[in-house]
């Protein structure tokens, strides 16, 4: 798999991230692997926070006022990063792109 395909696979679910991490060109794709990992962790945390909706009223308010708006903003940032990977650019996503979990 080529560099661009590996970078794109990193953004597509956890399975895609694992596949991209195991490729031979992962050194060239560390930027996108890092960003994809940050997005996957962020979405996992938001999914866990969504579990609060089982609490009547409090959970519903939490979902409407906190989780849904944050999830919408993260999705916009995700699309920006994914389009950058499709174009072969190393463009940092706003806010989340500054987090480094994988050393270069």
PDB file of N, CA and C in Angstrom:
ATOM      1  N   UNK A   1       0.843  -1.167   0.000  1.00  0.00           N
ATOM      2  CA  UNK A   1       0.000   0.000   0.000  1.00  0.00           C
ATOM      3  C   UNK A   1       0.891   1.233   0.000  1.00  0.00           C
ATOM      4  N   UNK A   2       0.507   2.235  -0.756  1.00  0.00           N
ATOM      5  CA  UNK A   2       1.292   3.458  -0.847  1.00  0.00           C
ATOM      6  C   UNK A   2       1.106   4.371   0.350  1.00  0.00           C
ATOM      7  N   UNK A   3       1.891   5.438   0.364  1.00  0.00           N
ATOM      8  CA  UNK A   3       1.862   6.376   1.481  1.00  0.00           C
ATOM      9  C   UNK A   3       0.488   7.018   1.630  1.00  0.00           C
ATOM     10  N   UNK A   4      -0.077   7.506   0.550  1.00  0.00           N
ATOM     11  CA  UNK A   4      -1.370   8.186   0.619  1.00  0.00           C
ATOM     12  C   UNK A   4      -2.474   7.235   1.063  1.00  0.00           C
ATOM     13  N   UNK A   5      -2.477   6.028   0.534  1.00  0.00           N
ATOM     14  CA  UNK A   5      -3.492   5.050   0.934  1.00  0.00           C
ATOM     15  C   UNK A   5      -3.361   4.689   2.409  1.00  0.00           C
ATOM     16  N   UNK A   6      -2.142   4.562   2.887  1.00  0.00           N
ATOM     17  CA  UNK A   6      -1.910   4.260   4.295  1.00  0.00           C
ATOM     18  C   UNK A   6      -2.428   5.393   5.173  1.00  0.00           C
ATOM     19  N   UNK A   7      -2.171   6.625   4.765  1.00  0.00           N
ATOM     20  CA  UNK A   7      -2.642   7.782   5.530  1.00  0.00           C
ATOM     21  C   UNK A   7      -4.169   7.843   5.565  1.00  0.00           C
ATOM     22  N   UNK A   8      -4.798   7.521   4.455  1.00  0.00           N
ATOM     23  CA  UNK A   8      -6.263   7.526   4.405  1.00  0.00           C
ATOM     24  C   UNK A   8      -6.826   6.419   5.287  1.00  0.00           C
ATOM     25  N   UNK A   9      -6.245   5.230   5.224  1.00  0.00           N
ATOM     26  CA  UNK A   9      -6.724   4.105   6.041  1.00  0.00           C
ATOM     27  C   UNK A   9      -6.646   4.416   7.529  1.00  0.00           C
ATOM     28  N   UNK A  10      -5.693   5.214   7.933  1.00  0.00           N
ATOM     29  CA  UNK A  10      -5.536   5.537   9.350  1.00  0.00           C
ATOM     30  C   UNK A  10      -6.771   6.226   9.920  1.00  0.00           C
ATOM     31  N   UNK A  11      -7.468   6.990   9.100  1.00  0.00           N
ATOM     32  CA  UNK A  11      -8.641   7.733   9.565  1.00  0.00           C
ATOM     33  C   UNK A  11      -9.909   6.887   9.578  1.00  0.00           C
ATOM     34  N   UNK A  12      -9.894   5.743   8.921  1.00  0.00           N
ATOM     35  CA  UNK A  12     -11.113   4.944   8.781  1.00  0.00           C
ATOM     36  C   UNK A  12     -11.168   3.899   9.880  1.00  0.00           C
ATOM     37  N   UNK A  13     -11.874   4.162  10.927  1.00  0.00           N
ATOM     38  CA  UNK A  13     -12.107   3.303  12.089  1.00  0.00           C
ATOM     39  C   UNK A  13     -10.812   2.837  12.758  1.00  0.00           C
ATOM     40  N   UNK A  14     -10.974   2.222  13.906  1.00  0.00           N
ATOM     41  CA  UNK A  14      -9.824   1.679  14.643  1.00  0.00           C
ATOM     42  C   UNK A  14      -9.130   0.582  13.839  1.00  0.00           C
ATOM     43  N   UNK A  15      -9.904  -0.216  13.126  1.00  0.00           N
ATOM     44  CA  UNK A  15      -9.313  -1.299  12.328  1.00  0.00           C
ATOM     45  C   UNK A  15      -8.417  -0.714  11.238  1.00  0.00           C
ATOM     46  N   UNK A  16      -8.883   0.329  10.586  1.00  0.00           N
ATOM     47  CA  UNK A  16      -8.065   0.996   9.572  1.00  0.00           C
ATOM     48  C   UNK A  16      -6.803   1.580  10.167  1.00  0.00           C
ATOM     49  N   UNK A  17      -6.912   2.126  11.377  1.00  0.00           N
ATOM     50  CA  UNK A  17      -5.733   2.668  12.049  1.00  0.00           C
ATOM     51  C   UNK A  17      -4.721   1.567  12.329  1.00  0.00           C
ATOM     52  N   UNK A  18      -5.187   0.422  12.782  1.00  0.00           N
ATOM     53  CA  UNK A  18      -4.283  -0.703  13.068  1.00  0.00           C
ATOM     54  C   UNK A  18      -3.626  -1.200  11.785  1.00  0.00           C
ATOM     55  N   UNK A  19      -4.394  -1.281  10.709  1.00  0.00           N
ATOM     56  CA  UNK A  19      -3.843  -1.709   9.422  1.00  0.00           C
ATOM     57  C   UNK A  19      -2.766  -0.722   8.966  1.00  0.00           C
ATOM     58  N   UNK A  20      -3.061   0.569   9.074  1.00  0.00           N
ATOM     59  CA  UNK A  20      -2.086   1.596   8.655  1.00  0.00           C
ATOM     60  C   UNK A  20      -0.844   1.565   9.537  1.00  0.00           C
ATOM     61  N   UNK A  21      -1.012   1.258  10.815  1.00  0.00           N
ATOM     62  CA  UNK A  21       0.132   1.202  11.736  1.00  0.00           C
ATOM     63  C   UNK A  21       1.072   0.051  11.412  1.00  0.00           C
ATOM     64  N   UNK A  22       0.556  -0.974  10.792  1.00  0.00           N
ATOM     65  CA  UNK A  22       1.362  -2.164  10.485  1.00  0.00           C
ATOM     66  C   UNK A  22       2.032  -2.090   9.114  1.00  0.00           C
ATOM     67  N   UNK A  23       1.775  -1.049   8.341  1.00  0.00           N
ATOM     68  CA  UNK A  23       2.339  -0.944   6.999  1.00  0.00           C
ATOM     69  C   UNK A  23       3.811  -0.541   7.042  1.00  0.00           C
ATOM     70  N   UNK A  24       4.511  -0.844   5.978  1.00  0.00           N
ATOM     71  CA  UNK A  24       5.946  -0.567   5.911  1.00  0.00           C
ATOM     72  C   UNK A  24       6.266   0.921   5.799  1.00  0.00           C
ATOM     73  N   UNK A  25       5.344   1.711   5.296  1.00  0.00           N
ATOM     74  CA  UNK A  25       5.618   3.146   5.124  1.00  0.00           C
ATOM     75  C   UNK A  25       5.076   3.966   6.290  1.00  0.00           C
ATOM     76  N   UNK A  26       4.938   3.346   7.462  1.00  0.00           N
ATOM     77  CA  UNK A  26       4.354   4.066   8.587  1.00  0.00           C
ATOM     78  C   UNK A  26       5.233   5.219   9.071  1.00  0.00           C
ATOM     79  N   UNK A  27       6.540   5.146   8.841  1.00  0.00           N
ATOM     80  CA  UNK A  27       7.423   6.252   9.224  1.00  0.00           C
ATOM     81  C   UNK A  27       7.059   7.522   8.460  1.00  0.00           C
ATOM     82  N   UNK A  28       6.689   7.377   7.197  1.00  0.00           N
ATOM     83  CA  UNK A  28       6.325   8.517   6.364  1.00  0.00           C
ATOM     84  C   UNK A  28       4.942   9.049   6.713  1.00  0.00           C
ATOM     85  N   UNK A  29       4.122   8.230   7.374  1.00  0.00           N
ATOM     86  CA  UNK A  29       2.733   8.577   7.671  1.00  0.00           C
ATOM     87  C   UNK A  29       2.493   8.899   9.140  1.00  0.00           C
ATOM     88  N   UNK A  30       3.553   9.094   9.913  1.00  0.00           N
ATOM     89  CA  UNK A  30       3.371   9.315  11.353  1.00  0.00           C
ATOM     90  C   UNK A  30       2.505  10.535  11.651  1.00  0.00           C
ATOM     91  N   UNK A  31       2.588  11.550  10.820  1.00  0.00           N
ATOM     92  CA  UNK A  31       1.769  12.738  11.042  1.00  0.00           C
ATOM     93  C   UNK A  31       0.285  12.369  11.029  1.00  0.00           C
ATOM     94  N   UNK A  32      -0.133  11.661   9.987  1.00  0.00           N
ATOM     95  CA  UNK A  32      -1.549  11.294   9.868  1.00  0.00           C
ATOM     96  C   UNK A  32      -1.930  10.189  10.856  1.00  0.00           C
ATOM     97  N   UNK A  33      -1.007   9.294  11.163  1.00  0.00           N
ATOM     98  CA  UNK A  33      -1.292   8.286  12.183  1.00  0.00           C
ATOM     99  C   UNK A  33      -1.557   8.950  13.529  1.00  0.00           C
ATOM    100  N   UNK A  34      -0.778   9.963  13.855  1.00  0.00           N
ATOM    101  CA  UNK A  34      -0.974  10.687  15.111  1.00  0.00           C
ATOM    102  C   UNK A  34      -2.331  11.384  15.133  1.00  0.00           C
ATOM    103  N   UNK A  35      -2.643  12.111  14.074  1.00  0.00           N
ATOM    104  CA  UNK A  35      -3.926  12.816  14.031  1.00  0.00           C
ATOM    105  C   UNK A  35      -5.092  11.853  14.079  1.00  0.00           C
ATOM    106  N   UNK A  36      -4.997  10.760  13.347  1.00  0.00           N
ATOM    107  CA  UNK A  36      -6.085   9.782  13.347  1.00  0.00           C
ATOM    108  C   UNK A  36      -6.268   9.178  14.739  1.00  0.00           C
ATOM    109  N   UNK A  37      -5.160   8.896  15.421  1.00  0.00           N
ATOM    110  CA  UNK A  37      -5.243   8.353  16.777  1.00  0.00           C
ATOM    111  C   UNK A  37      -5.935   9.338  17.716  1.00  0.00           C
ATOM    112  N   UNK A  38      -5.608  10.606  17.600  1.00  0.00           N
ATOM    113  CA  UNK A  38      -6.252  11.631  18.433  1.00  0.00           C
ATOM    114  C   UNK A  38      -7.758  11.673  18.155  1.00  0.00           C
ATOM    115  N   UNK A  39      -8.135  11.606  16.889  1.00  0.00           N
ATOM    116  CA  UNK A  39      -9.563  11.609  16.549  1.00  0.00           C
ATOM    117  C   UNK A  39     -10.261  10.354  17.066  1.00  0.00           C
ATOM    118  N   UNK A  40      -9.642   9.200  16.921  1.00  0.00           N
ATOM    119  CA  UNK A  40     -10.266   7.960  17.399  1.00  0.00           C
ATOM    120  C   UNK A  40     -10.454   7.994  18.913  1.00  0.00           C
ATOM    121  N   UNK A  41      -9.465   8.481  19.626  1.00  0.00           N
ATOM    122  CA  UNK A  41      -9.586   8.577  21.093  1.00  0.00           C
ATOM    123  C   UNK A  41     -10.662   9.592  21.465  1.00  0.00           C
ATOM    124  N   UNK A  42     -10.707  10.716  20.769  1.00  0.00           N
ATOM    125  CA  UNK A  42     -11.718  11.739  21.055  1.00  0.00           C
ATOM    126  C   UNK A  42     -13.122  11.194  20.830  1.00  0.00           C
ATOM    127  N   UNK A  43     -13.330  10.504  19.713  1.00  0.00           N
ATOM    128  CA  UNK A  43     -14.644   9.926  19.440  1.00  0.00           C
ATOM    129  C   UNK A  43     -14.996   8.840  20.453  1.00  0.00           C
ATOM    130  N   UNK A  44     -14.012   8.083  20.916  1.00  0.00           N
ATOM    131  CA  UNK A  44     -14.278   7.069  21.934  1.00  0.00           C
ATOM    132  C   UNK A  44     -14.718   7.705  23.243  1.00  0.00           C
ATOM    133  N   UNK A  45     -14.058   8.788  23.629  1.00  0.00           N
ATOM    134  CA  UNK A  45     -14.437   9.507  24.850  1.00  0.00           C
ATOM    135  C   UNK A  45     -15.843  10.088  24.709  1.00  0.00           C
ATOM    136  N   UNK A  46     -16.148  10.668  23.555  1.00  0.00           N
ATOM    137  CA  UNK A  46     -17.489  11.209  23.332  1.00  0.00           C
ATOM    138  C   UNK A  46     -18.547  10.109  23.363  1.00  0.00           C
ATOM    139  N   UNK A  47     -18.216   8.932  22.868  1.00  0.00           N
ATOM    140  CA  UNK A  47     -19.154   7.807  22.918  1.00  0.00           C
ATOM    141  C   UNK A  47     -19.432   7.390  24.354  1.00  0.00           C
ATOM    142  N   UNK A  48     -18.402   7.384  25.168  1.00  0.00           N
ATOM    143  CA  UNK A  48     -18.578   7.045  26.580  1.00  0.00           C
ATOM    144  C   UNK A  48     -19.426   8.102  27.279  1.00  0.00           C
ATOM    145  N   UNK A  49     -19.185   9.377  26.967  1.00  0.00           N
ATOM    146  CA  UNK A  49     -19.974  10.450  27.567  1.00  0.00           C
ATOM    147  C   UNK A  49     -21.438  10.387  27.154  1.00  0.00           C
ATOM    148  N   UNK A  50     -21.706   9.842  25.985  1.00  0.00           N
ATOM    149  CA  UNK A  50     -23.073   9.713  25.506  1.00  0.00           C
ATOM    150  C   UNK A  50     -23.871   8.736  26.375  1.00  0.00           C
ATOM    151  N   UNK A  51     -23.185   7.868  27.086  1.00  0.00           N
ATOM    152  CA  UNK A  51     -23.877   6.931  27.962  1.00  0.00           C
ATOM    153  C   UNK A  51     -24.651   7.636  29.075  1.00  0.00           C
ATOM    154  N   UNK A  52     -24.310   8.885  29.360  1.00  0.00           N
ATOM    155  CA  UNK A  52     -25.032   9.640  30.380  1.00  0.00           C
ATOM    156  C   UNK A  52     -26.482   9.904  29.990  1.00  0.00           C
ATOM    157  N   UNK A  53     -26.834   9.675  28.740  1.00  0.00           N
ATOM    158  CA  UNK A  53     -28.206   9.932  28.312  1.00  0.00           C
ATOM    159  C   UNK A  53     -29.196   8.976  28.947  1.00  0.00           C
ATOM    160  N   UNK A  54     -28.732   7.910  29.579  1.00  0.00           N
ATOM    161  CA  UNK A  54     -29.662   7.002  30.249  1.00  0.00           C
ATOM    162  C   UNK A  54     -30.221   7.619  31.536  1.00  0.00           C
ATOM    163  N   UNK A  55     -29.604   8.684  32.028  1.00  0.00           N
ATOM    164  CA  UNK A  55     -30.102   9.389  33.206  1.00  0.00           C
ATOM    165  C   UNK A  55     -31.154  10.394  32.730  1.00  0.00           C
ATOM    166  N   UNK A  56     -32.387  10.247  33.160  1.00  0.00           N
ATOM    167  CA  UNK A  56     -33.435  11.168  32.692  1.00  0.00           C
ATOM    168  C   UNK A  56     -33.112  12.623  33.038  1.00  0.00           C
ATOM    169  N   UNK A  57     -33.460  13.497  32.142  1.00  0.00           N
ATOM    170  CA  UNK A  57     -33.317  14.944  32.251  1.00  0.00           C
ATOM    171  C   UNK A  57     -31.858  15.411  32.308  1.00  0.00           C
ATOM    172  N   UNK A  58     -31.094  14.967  33.295  1.00  0.00           N
ATOM    173  CA  UNK A  58     -29.697  15.389  33.409  1.00  0.00           C
ATOM    174  C   UNK A  58     -28.902  14.887  32.207  1.00  0.00           C
ATOM    175  N   UNK A  59     -29.072  13.621  31.879  1.00  0.00           N
ATOM    176  CA  UNK A  59     -28.374  13.047  30.742  1.00  0.00           C
ATOM    177  C   UNK A  59     -28.789  13.671  29.432  1.00  0.00           C
ATOM    178  N   UNK A  60     -30.077  13.946  29.298  1.00  0.00           N
ATOM    179  CA  UNK A  60     -30.559  14.555  28.063  1.00  0.00           C
ATOM    180  C   UNK A  60     -29.997  15.965  27.903  1.00  0.00           C
ATOM    181  N   UNK A  61     -29.957  16.715  28.999  1.00  0.00           N
ATOM    182  CA  UNK A  61     -29.393  18.071  28.947  1.00  0.00           C
ATOM    183  C   UNK A  61     -27.899  18.010  28.629  1.00  0.00           C
ATOM    184  N   UNK A  62     -27.204  17.053  29.244  1.00  0.00           N
ATOM    185  CA  UNK A  62     -25.769  16.888  28.996  1.00  0.00           C
ATOM    186  C   UNK A  62     -25.513  16.577  27.530  1.00  0.00           C
ATOM    187  N   UNK A  63     -26.341  15.699  26.982  1.00  0.00           N
ATOM    188  CA  UNK A  63     -26.197  15.331  25.569  1.00  0.00           C
ATOM    189  C   UNK A  63     -26.424  16.546  24.677  1.00  0.00           C
ATOM    190  N   UNK A  64     -27.476  17.293  24.940  1.00  0.00           N
ATOM    191  CA  UNK A  64     -27.827  18.421  24.084  1.00  0.00           C
ATOM    192  C   UNK A  64     -26.897  19.617  24.221  1.00  0.00           C
ATOM    193  N   UNK A  65     -26.382  19.832  25.418  1.00  0.00           N
ATOM    194  CA  UNK A  65     -25.581  21.033  25.654  1.00  0.00           C
ATOM    195  C   UNK A  65     -24.080  20.811  25.573  1.00  0.00           C
ATOM    196  N   UNK A  66     -23.623  19.573  25.752  1.00  0.00           N
ATOM    197  CA  UNK A  66     -22.188  19.321  25.791  1.00  0.00           C
ATOM    198  C   UNK A  66     -21.748  18.376  24.679  1.00  0.00           C
ATOM    199  N   UNK A  67     -22.235  17.164  24.722  1.00  0.00           N
ATOM    200  CA  UNK A  67     -21.718  16.131  23.823  1.00  0.00           C
ATOM    201  C   UNK A  67     -22.021  16.404  22.351  1.00  0.00           C
ATOM    202  N   UNK A  68     -23.242  16.771  22.024  1.00  0.00           N
ATOM    203  CA  UNK A  68     -23.616  16.986  20.621  1.00  0.00           C
ATOM    204  C   UNK A  68     -22.842  18.138  19.971  1.00  0.00           C
ATOM    205  N   UNK A  69     -22.735  19.311  20.625  1.00  0.00           N
ATOM    206  CA  UNK A  69     -21.957  20.379  19.977  1.00  0.00           C
ATOM    207  C   UNK A  69     -20.475  20.039  19.821  1.00  0.00           C
ATOM    208  N   UNK A  70     -19.897  19.412  20.835  1.00  0.00           N
ATOM    209  CA  UNK A  70     -18.482  19.035  20.738  1.00  0.00           C
ATOM    210  C   UNK A  70     -18.292  18.014  19.631  1.00  0.00           C
ATOM    211  N   UNK A  71     -19.192  17.054  19.542  1.00  0.00           N
ATOM    212  CA  UNK A  71     -19.103  16.033  18.496  1.00  0.00           C
ATOM    213  C   UNK A  71     -19.205  16.666  17.109  1.00  0.00           C
ATOM    214  N   UNK A  72     -20.052  17.654  16.950  1.00  0.00           N
ATOM    215  CA  UNK A  72     -20.193  18.332  15.656  1.00  0.00           C
ATOM    216  C   UNK A  72     -18.911  19.055  15.267  1.00  0.00           C
ATOM    217  N   UNK A  73     -18.298  19.739  16.225  1.00  0.00           N
ATOM    218  CA  UNK A  73     -17.054  20.461  15.953  1.00  0.00           C
ATOM    219  C   UNK A  73     -15.925  19.484  15.619  1.00  0.00           C
ATOM    220  N   UNK A  74     -15.840  18.392  16.369  1.00  0.00           N
ATOM    221  CA  UNK A  74     -14.802  17.385  16.126  1.00  0.00           C
ATOM    222  C   UNK A  74     -14.991  16.762  14.744  1.00  0.00           C
ATOM    223  N   UNK A  75     -16.235  16.567  14.327  1.00  0.00           N
ATOM    224  CA  UNK A  75     -16.494  16.001  12.999  1.00  0.00           C
ATOM    225  C   UNK A  75     -16.007  16.934  11.897  1.00  0.00           C
ATOM    226  N   UNK A  76     -16.204  18.231  12.064  1.00  0.00           N
ATOM    227  CA  UNK A  76     -15.702  19.203  11.081  1.00  0.00           C
ATOM    228  C   UNK A  76     -14.175  19.139  11.016  1.00  0.00           C
ATOM    229  N   UNK A  77     -13.522  19.077  12.182  1.00  0.00           N
ATOM    230  CA  UNK A  77     -12.064  18.972  12.220  1.00  0.00           C
ATOM    231  C   UNK A  77     -11.597  17.671  11.571  1.00  0.00           C
ATOM    232  N   UNK A  78     -12.346  16.590  11.799  1.00  0.00           N
ATOM    233  CA  UNK A  78     -12.020  15.290  11.215  1.00  0.00           C
ATOM    234  C   UNK A  78     -12.063  15.368   9.686  1.00  0.00           C
ATOM    235  N   UNK A  79     -13.087  16.004   9.162  1.00  0.00           N
ATOM    236  CA  UNK A  79     -13.220  16.128   7.704  1.00  0.00           C
ATOM    237  C   UNK A  79     -12.048  16.923   7.140  1.00  0.00           C
ATOM    238  N   UNK A  80     -11.639  17.986   7.821  1.00  0.00           N
ATOM    239  CA  UNK A  80     -10.494  18.782   7.373  1.00  0.00           C
ATOM    240  C   UNK A  80      -9.234  17.916   7.317  1.00  0.00           C
ATOM    241  N   UNK A  81      -9.006  17.119   8.371  1.00  0.00           N
ATOM    242  CA  UNK A  81      -7.817  16.266   8.413  1.00  0.00           C
ATOM    243  C   UNK A  81      -7.896  15.159   7.362  1.00  0.00           C
ATOM    244  N   UNK A  82      -9.067  14.571   7.180  1.00  0.00           N
ATOM    245  CA  UNK A  82      -9.230  13.487   6.206  1.00  0.00           C
ATOM    246  C   UNK A  82      -9.013  13.986   4.783  1.00  0.00           C
ATOM    247  N   UNK A  83      -9.534  15.158   4.468  1.00  0.00           N
ATOM    248  CA  UNK A  83      -9.333  15.740   3.130  1.00  0.00           C
ATOM    249  C   UNK A  83      -7.852  16.035   2.915  1.00  0.00           C
ATOM    250  N   UNK A  84      -7.178  16.492   3.965  1.00  0.00           N
ATOM    251  CA  UNK A  84      -5.734  16.710   3.858  1.00  0.00           C
ATOM    252  C   UNK A  84      -4.986  15.425   3.554  1.00  0.00           C
ATOM    253  N   UNK A  85      -5.399  14.328   4.195  1.00  0.00           N
ATOM    254  CA  UNK A  85      -4.765  13.031   3.927  1.00  0.00           C
ATOM    255  C   UNK A  85      -5.046  12.578   2.498  1.00  0.00           C
ATOM    256  N   UNK A  86      -6.260  12.819   2.019  1.00  0.00           N
ATOM    257  CA  UNK A  86      -6.604  12.434   0.647  1.00  0.00           C
ATOM    258  C   UNK A  86      -5.797  13.219  -0.386  1.00  0.00           C
ATOM    259  N   UNK A  87      -5.484  14.450  -0.056  1.00  0.00           N
ATOM    260  CA  UNK A  87      -4.699  15.288  -0.961  1.00  0.00           C
ATOM    261  C   UNK A  87      -3.198  15.091  -0.797  1.00  0.00           C
ATOM    262  N   UNK A  88      -2.796  14.353   0.227  1.00  0.00           N
ATOM    263  CA  UNK A  88      -1.379  14.120   0.460  1.00  0.00           C
ATOM    264  C   UNK A  88      -0.692  15.246   1.203  1.00  0.00           C
ATOM    265  N   UNK A  89      -1.458  16.071   1.903  1.00  0.00           N
ATOM    266  CA  UNK A  89      -0.912  17.207   2.641  1.00  0.00           C
ATOM    267  C   UNK A  89      -0.783  16.878   4.121  1.00  0.00           C
ATOM    268  N   UNK A  90       0.159  17.487   4.780  1.00  0.00           N
ATOM    269  CA  UNK A  90       0.294  17.346   6.222  1.00  0.00           C
ATOM    270  C   UNK A  90      -0.231  18.609   6.873  1.00  0.00           C
ATOM    271  N   UNK A  91      -1.532  18.776   6.830  1.00  0.00           N
ATOM    272  CA  UNK A  91      -2.179  19.958   7.379  1.00  0.00           C
ATOM    273  C   UNK A  91      -2.787  19.592   8.730  1.00  0.00           C
ATOM    274  N   UNK A  92      -2.371  20.312   9.777  1.00  0.00           N
ATOM    275  CA  UNK A  92      -2.878  20.025  11.116  1.00  0.00           C
ATOM    276  C   UNK A  92      -4.343  20.425  11.231  1.00  0.00           C
ATOM    277  N   UNK A  93      -5.099  19.558  11.896  1.00  0.00           N
ATOM    278  CA  UNK A  93      -6.486  19.874  12.191  1.00  0.00           C
ATOM    279  C   UNK A  93      -6.521  20.943  13.278  1.00  0.00           C
ATOM    280  N   UNK A  94      -7.501  21.826  13.252  1.00  0.00           N
ATOM    281  CA  UNK A  94      -7.596  22.839  14.304  1.00  0.00           C
ATOM    282  C   UNK A  94      -7.741  22.191  15.688  1.00  0.00           C
ATOM    283  N   UNK A  95      -7.130  22.762  16.670  1.00  0.00           N
ATOM    284  CA  UNK A  95      -7.144  22.334  18.071  1.00  0.00           C
ATOM    285  C   UNK A  95      -6.550  20.932  18.305  1.00  0.00           C
ATOM    286  N   UNK A  96      -7.163  19.919  17.738  1.00  0.00           N
ATOM    287  CA  UNK A  96      -6.715  18.545  17.997  1.00  0.00           C
ATOM    288  C   UNK A  96      -5.408  18.207  17.293  1.00  0.00           C
ATOM    289  N   UNK A  97      -5.063  18.927  16.258  1.00  0.00           N
ATOM    290  CA  UNK A  97      -3.830  18.662  15.522  1.00  0.00           C
ATOM    291  C   UNK A  97      -2.571  18.996  16.299  1.00  0.00           C
ATOM    292  N   UNK A  98      -2.715  19.747  17.392  1.00  0.00           N
ATOM    293  CA  UNK A  98      -1.566  20.132  18.203  1.00  0.00           C
ATOM    294  C   UNK A  98      -1.159  19.047  19.199  1.00  0.00           C
ATOM    295  N   UNK A  99      -2.006  18.039  19.360  1.00  0.00           N
ATOM    296  CA  UNK A  99      -1.728  16.969  20.317  1.00  0.00           C
ATOM    297  C   UNK A  99      -0.839  15.922  19.642  1.00  0.00           C
ATOM    298  N   UNK A 100       0.291  15.594  20.263  1.00  0.00           N
ATOM    299  CA  UNK A 100       1.201  14.581  19.725  1.00  0.00           C
ATOM    300  C   UNK A 100       1.221  13.370  20.639  1.00  0.00           C
ATOM    301  N   UNK A 101       0.704  12.267  20.159  1.00  0.00           N
ATOM    302  CA  UNK A 101       0.724  11.014  20.920  1.00  0.00           C
ATOM    303  C   UNK A 101       1.764  10.057  20.374  1.00  0.00           C
ATOM    304  N   UNK A 102       2.116  10.224  19.111  1.00  0.00           N
ATOM    305  CA  UNK A 102       3.122   9.376  18.462  1.00  0.00           C
ATOM    306  C   UNK A 102       4.351  10.240  18.206  1.00  0.00           C
ATOM    307  N   UNK A 103       5.491   9.822  18.724  1.00  0.00           N
ATOM    308  CA  UNK A 103       6.727  10.578  18.506  1.00  0.00           C
ATOM    309  C   UNK A 103       7.189  10.453  17.075  1.00  0.00           C
ATOM    310  N   UNK A 104       7.687  11.561  16.545  1.00  0.00           N
ATOM    311  CA  UNK A 104       8.155  11.551  15.145  1.00  0.00           C
ATOM    312  C   UNK A 104       9.592  11.178  15.067  1.00  0.00           C
TER     313      UNK A 104
END
